[in-house]
Amino acid sequence: MIGAWLGLSPARSALLANTISGVAAGMQYKIIGATWQAEAAVRGAEASRVQAG
């Protein structure tokens, strides 16, 4: 759709769509990874606090 609006050929339009989808997926995976890392850090800090107390 965007490719047609920009006047791109169908092949280039598909490449653009796939690239945009890939970038969006990569950003989502980065957010998920950062969330897991933060949760692990919190669990580690809580475990240290329980062992110390």
PDB file of N, CA and C in Angstrom:
ATOM      1  N   MET A   1       0.826  -1.188   0.000  1.00  0.00           N
ATOM      2  CA  MET A   1       0.000   0.000   0.000  1.00  0.00           C
ATOM      3  C   MET A   1       0.871   1.253   0.000  1.00  0.00           C
ATOM      4  N   ILE A   2       1.828   1.310   0.914  1.00  0.00           N
ATOM      5  CA  ILE A   2       2.727   2.469   0.953  1.00  0.00           C
ATOM      6  C   ILE A   2       3.586   2.493  -0.306  1.00  0.00           C
ATOM      7  N   GLY A   3       4.036   1.296  -0.720  1.00  0.00           N
ATOM      8  CA  GLY A   3       4.850   1.218  -1.921  1.00  0.00           C
ATOM      9  C   GLY A   3       4.115   1.708  -3.149  1.00  0.00           C
ATOM     10  N   ALA A   4       2.848   1.361  -3.265  1.00  0.00           N
ATOM     11  CA  ALA A   4       2.048   1.836  -4.397  1.00  0.00           C
ATOM     12  C   ALA A   4       1.889   3.345  -4.335  1.00  0.00           C
ATOM     13  N   TRP A   5       1.702   3.861  -3.142  1.00  0.00           N
ATOM     14  CA  TRP A   5       1.557   5.310  -2.961  1.00  0.00           C
ATOM     15  C   TRP A   5       2.844   6.030  -3.347  1.00  0.00           C
ATOM     16  N   LEU A   6       3.997   5.377  -3.060  1.00  0.00           N
ATOM     17  CA  LEU A   6       5.285   5.974  -3.413  1.00  0.00           C
ATOM     18  C   LEU A   6       5.676   5.702  -4.859  1.00  0.00           C
ATOM     19  N   GLY A   7       4.897   4.883  -5.546  1.00  0.00           N
ATOM     20  CA  GLY A   7       5.192   4.572  -6.935  1.00  0.00           C
ATOM     21  C   GLY A   7       6.252   3.501  -7.098  1.00  0.00           C
ATOM     22  N   LEU A   8       6.389   2.617  -6.113  1.00  0.00           N
ATOM     23  CA  LEU A   8       7.383   1.547  -6.189  1.00  0.00           C
ATOM     24  C   LEU A   8       6.817   0.346  -6.932  1.00  0.00           C
ATOM     25  N   SER A   9       7.717  -0.463  -7.481  1.00  0.00           N
ATOM     26  CA  SER A   9       7.294  -1.705  -8.121  1.00  0.00           C
ATOM     27  C   SER A   9       6.801  -2.664  -7.032  1.00  0.00           C
ATOM     28  N   PRO A  10       6.044  -3.685  -7.415  1.00  0.00           N
ATOM     29  CA  PRO A  10       5.560  -4.639  -6.412  1.00  0.00           C
ATOM     30  C   PRO A  10       6.687  -5.303  -5.615  1.00  0.00           C
ATOM     31  N   ALA A  11       7.797  -5.616  -6.278  1.00  0.00           N
ATOM     32  CA  ALA A  11       8.914  -6.247  -5.575  1.00  0.00           C
ATOM     33  C   ALA A  11       9.521  -5.295  -4.548  1.00  0.00           C
ATOM     34  N   ARG A  12       9.720  -4.060  -4.928  1.00  0.00           N
ATOM     35  CA  ARG A  12      10.282  -3.082  -3.989  1.00  0.00           C
ATOM     36  C   ARG A  12       9.287  -2.755  -2.874  1.00  0.00           C
ATOM     37  N   SER A  13       8.014  -2.757  -3.208  1.00  0.00           N
ATOM     38  CA  SER A  13       6.985  -2.522  -2.204  1.00  0.00           C
ATOM     39  C   SER A  13       6.991  -3.643  -1.169  1.00  0.00           C
ATOM     40  N   ALA A  14       7.119  -4.890  -1.627  1.00  0.00           N
ATOM     41  CA  ALA A  14       7.184  -6.032  -0.713  1.00  0.00           C
ATOM     42  C   ALA A  14       8.436  -5.960   0.153  1.00  0.00           C
ATOM     43  N   LEU A  15       9.555  -5.568  -0.441  1.00  0.00           N
ATOM     44  CA  LEU A  15      10.794  -5.426   0.322  1.00  0.00           C
ATOM     45  C   LEU A  15      10.642  -4.364   1.405  1.00  0.00           C
ATOM     46  N   LEU A  16      10.035  -3.250   1.061  1.00  0.00           N
ATOM     47  CA  LEU A  16       9.807  -2.182   2.033  1.00  0.00           C
ATOM     48  C   LEU A  16       8.905  -2.669   3.165  1.00  0.00           C
ATOM     49  N   ALA A  17       7.831  -3.367   2.828  1.00  0.00           N
ATOM     50  CA  ALA A  17       6.900  -3.873   3.842  1.00  0.00           C
ATOM     51  C   ALA A  17       7.591  -4.872   4.758  1.00  0.00           C
ATOM     52  N   ASN A  18       8.384  -5.775   4.187  1.00  0.00           N
ATOM     53  CA  ASN A  18       9.097  -6.767   5.000  1.00  0.00           C
ATOM     54  C   ASN A  18      10.134  -6.106   5.892  1.00  0.00           C
ATOM     55  N   THR A  19      10.805  -5.088   5.390  1.00  0.00           N
ATOM     56  CA  THR A  19      11.797  -4.375   6.189  1.00  0.00           C
ATOM     57  C   THR A  19      11.142  -3.679   7.371  1.00  0.00           C
ATOM     58  N   ILE A  20      10.037  -3.019   7.116  1.00  0.00           N
ATOM     59  CA  ILE A  20       9.324  -2.325   8.195  1.00  0.00           C
ATOM     60  C   ILE A  20       8.830  -3.331   9.233  1.00  0.00           C
ATOM     61  N   SER A  21       8.304  -4.466   8.778  1.00  0.00           N
ATOM     62  CA  SER A  21       7.842  -5.504   9.702  1.00  0.00           C
ATOM     63  C   SER A  21       8.999  -6.044  10.532  1.00  0.00           C
ATOM     64  N   GLY A  22      10.135  -6.245   9.901  1.00  0.00           N
ATOM     65  CA  GLY A  22      11.309  -6.747  10.614  1.00  0.00           C
ATOM     66  C   GLY A  22      11.811  -5.774  11.660  1.00  0.00           C
ATOM     67  N   VAL A  23      11.823  -4.507  11.326  1.00  0.00           N
ATOM     68  CA  VAL A  23      12.261  -3.487  12.288  1.00  0.00           C
ATOM     69  C   VAL A  23      11.308  -3.440  13.478  1.00  0.00           C
ATOM     70  N   ALA A  24      10.014  -3.498  13.204  1.00  0.00           N
ATOM     71  CA  ALA A  24       9.025  -3.479  14.291  1.00  0.00           C
ATOM     72  C   ALA A  24       9.189  -4.698  15.191  1.00  0.00           C
ATOM     73  N   ALA A  25       9.388  -5.869  14.601  1.00  0.00           N
ATOM     74  CA  ALA A  25       9.580  -7.085  15.397  1.00  0.00           C
ATOM     75  C   ALA A  25      10.854  -6.989  16.223  1.00  0.00           C
ATOM     76  N   GLY A  26      11.912  -6.462  15.637  1.00  0.00           N
ATOM     77  CA  GLY A  26      13.165  -6.300  16.372  1.00  0.00           C
ATOM     78  C   GLY A  26      13.013  -5.390  17.571  1.00  0.00           C
ATOM     79  N   MET A  27      12.269  -4.315  17.410  1.00  0.00           N
ATOM     80  CA  MET A  27      12.051  -3.403  18.541  1.00  0.00           C
ATOM     81  C   MET A  27      11.255  -4.095  19.641  1.00  0.00           C
ATOM     82  N   GLN A  28      10.279  -4.914  19.256  1.00  0.00           N
ATOM     83  CA  GLN A  28       9.488  -5.636  20.253  1.00  0.00           C
ATOM     84  C   GLN A  28      10.358  -6.629  21.010  1.00  0.00           C
ATOM     85  N   TYR A  29      11.223  -7.357  20.302  1.00  0.00           N
ATOM     86  CA  TYR A  29      12.103  -8.312  20.967  1.00  0.00           C
ATOM     87  C   TYR A  29      13.079  -7.601  21.894  1.00  0.00           C
ATOM     88  N   LYS A  30      13.535  -6.419  21.503  1.00  0.00           N
ATOM     89  CA  LYS A  30      14.442  -5.658  22.360  1.00  0.00           C
ATOM     90  C   LYS A  30      13.737  -5.271  23.657  1.00  0.00           C
ATOM     91  N   ILE A  31      12.486  -4.845  23.549  1.00  0.00           N
ATOM     92  CA  ILE A  31      11.716  -4.466  24.739  1.00  0.00           C
ATOM     93  C   ILE A  31      11.499  -5.685  25.631  1.00  0.00           C
ATOM     94  N   ILE A  32      11.154  -6.826  25.024  1.00  0.00           N
ATOM     95  CA  ILE A  32      10.940  -8.048  25.806  1.00  0.00           C
ATOM     96  C   ILE A  32      12.228  -8.453  26.511  1.00  0.00           C
ATOM     97  N   GLY A  33      13.340  -8.402  25.805  1.00  0.00           N
ATOM     98  CA  GLY A  33      14.629  -8.755  26.403  1.00  0.00           C
ATOM     99  C   GLY A  33      14.997  -7.833  27.546  1.00  0.00           C
ATOM    100  N   ALA A  34      14.767  -6.548  27.379  1.00  0.00           N
ATOM    101  CA  ALA A  34      15.077  -5.589  28.444  1.00  0.00           C
ATOM    102  C   ALA A  34      14.186  -5.832  29.657  1.00  0.00           C
ATOM    103  N   THR A  35      12.934  -6.195  29.421  1.00  0.00           N
ATOM    104  CA  THR A  35      12.013  -6.483  30.524  1.00  0.00           C
ATOM    105  C   THR A  35      12.480  -7.705  31.294  1.00  0.00           C
ATOM    106  N   TRP A  36      12.865  -8.758  30.578  1.00  0.00           N
ATOM    107  CA  TRP A  36      13.351  -9.966  31.254  1.00  0.00           C
ATOM    108  C   TRP A  36      14.612  -9.664  32.047  1.00  0.00           C
ATOM    109  N   GLN A  37      15.500  -8.860  31.482  1.00  0.00           N
ATOM    110  CA  GLN A  37      16.739  -8.517  32.172  1.00  0.00           C
ATOM    111  C   GLN A  37      16.434  -7.729  33.439  1.00  0.00           C
ATOM    112  N   ALA A  38      15.508  -6.795  33.367  1.00  0.00           N
ATOM    113  CA  ALA A  38      15.142  -6.005  34.541  1.00  0.00           C
ATOM    114  C   ALA A  38      14.492  -6.884  35.602  1.00  0.00           C
ATOM    115  N   GLU A  39      13.628  -7.795  35.195  1.00  0.00           N
ATOM    116  CA  GLU A  39      12.986  -8.692  36.156  1.00  0.00           C
ATOM    117  C   GLU A  39      14.016  -9.578  36.842  1.00  0.00           C
ATOM    118  N   ALA A  40      14.995 -10.055  36.090  1.00  0.00           N
ATOM    119  CA  ALA A  40      16.049 -10.883  36.675  1.00  0.00           C
ATOM    120  C   ALA A  40      16.867 -10.084  37.678  1.00  0.00           C
ATOM    121  N   ALA A  41      17.139  -8.827  37.381  1.00  0.00           N
ATOM    122  CA  ALA A  41      17.896  -7.981  38.303  1.00  0.00           C
ATOM    123  C   ALA A  41      17.112  -7.751  39.591  1.00  0.00           C
ATOM    124  N   VAL A  42      15.807  -7.542  39.470  1.00  0.00           N
ATOM    125  CA  VAL A  42      14.968  -7.340  40.657  1.00  0.00           C
ATOM    126  C   VAL A  42      14.928  -8.613  41.484  1.00  0.00           C
ATOM    127  N   ARG A  43      14.758  -9.764  40.835  1.00  0.00           N
ATOM    128  CA  ARG A  43      14.748 -11.035  41.573  1.00  0.00           C
ATOM    129  C   ARG A  43      16.074 -11.258  42.281  1.00  0.00           C
ATOM    130  N   GLY A  44      17.175 -10.931  41.614  1.00  0.00           N
ATOM    131  CA  GLY A  44      18.490 -11.081  42.233  1.00  0.00           C
ATOM    132  C   GLY A  44      18.653 -10.177  43.437  1.00  0.00           C
ATOM    133  N   ALA A  45      18.200  -8.943  43.325  1.00  0.00           N
ATOM    134  CA  ALA A  45      18.299  -8.006  44.448  1.00  0.00           C
ATOM    135  C   ALA A  45      17.421  -8.460  45.608  1.00  0.00           C
ATOM    136  N   GLU A  46      16.230  -8.952  45.309  1.00  0.00           N
ATOM    137  CA  GLU A  46      15.337  -9.435  46.365  1.00  0.00           C
ATOM    138  C   GLU A  46      15.921 -10.668  47.044  1.00  0.00           C
ATOM    139  N   ALA A  47      16.519 -11.562  46.271  1.00  0.00           N
ATOM    140  CA  ALA A  47      17.131 -12.761  46.848  1.00  0.00           C
ATOM    141  C   ALA A  47      18.299 -12.388  47.752  1.00  0.00           C
ATOM    142  N   SER A  48      19.091 -11.416  47.344  1.00  0.00           N
ATOM    143  CA  SER A  48      20.214 -10.961  48.174  1.00  0.00           C
ATOM    144  C   SER A  48      19.715 -10.350  49.468  1.00  0.00           C
ATOM    145  N   ARG A  49      18.626  -9.607  49.381  1.00  0.00           N
ATOM    146  CA  ARG A  49      18.069  -8.961  50.565  1.00  0.00           C
ATOM    147  C   ARG A  49      17.517 -10.002  51.540  1.00  0.00           C
ATOM    148  N   VAL A  50      16.878 -11.045  51.015  1.00  0.00           N
ATOM    149  CA  VAL A  50      16.316 -12.100  51.869  1.00  0.00           C
ATOM    150  C   VAL A  50      17.441 -12.862  52.560  1.00  0.00           C
ATOM    151  N   GLN A  51      18.520 -13.159  51.840  1.00  0.00           N
ATOM    152  CA  GLN A  51      19.646 -13.889  52.425  1.00  0.00           C
ATOM    153  C   GLN A  51      20.359 -13.049  53.474  1.00  0.00           C
ATOM    154  N   ALA A  52      20.443 -11.745  53.253  1.00  0.00           N
ATOM    155  CA  ALA A  52      21.134 -10.859  54.201  1.00  0.00           C
ATOM    156  C   ALA A  52      20.289 -10.639  55.453  1.00  0.00           C
ATOM    157  N   GLY A  53      18.971 -10.669  55.315  1.00  0.00           N
ATOM    158  CA  GLY A  53      18.083 -10.364  56.434  1.00  0.00           C
ATOM    159  C   GLY A  53      17.639 -11.574  57.088  1.00  0.00           C
TER     160      GLY A  53
END
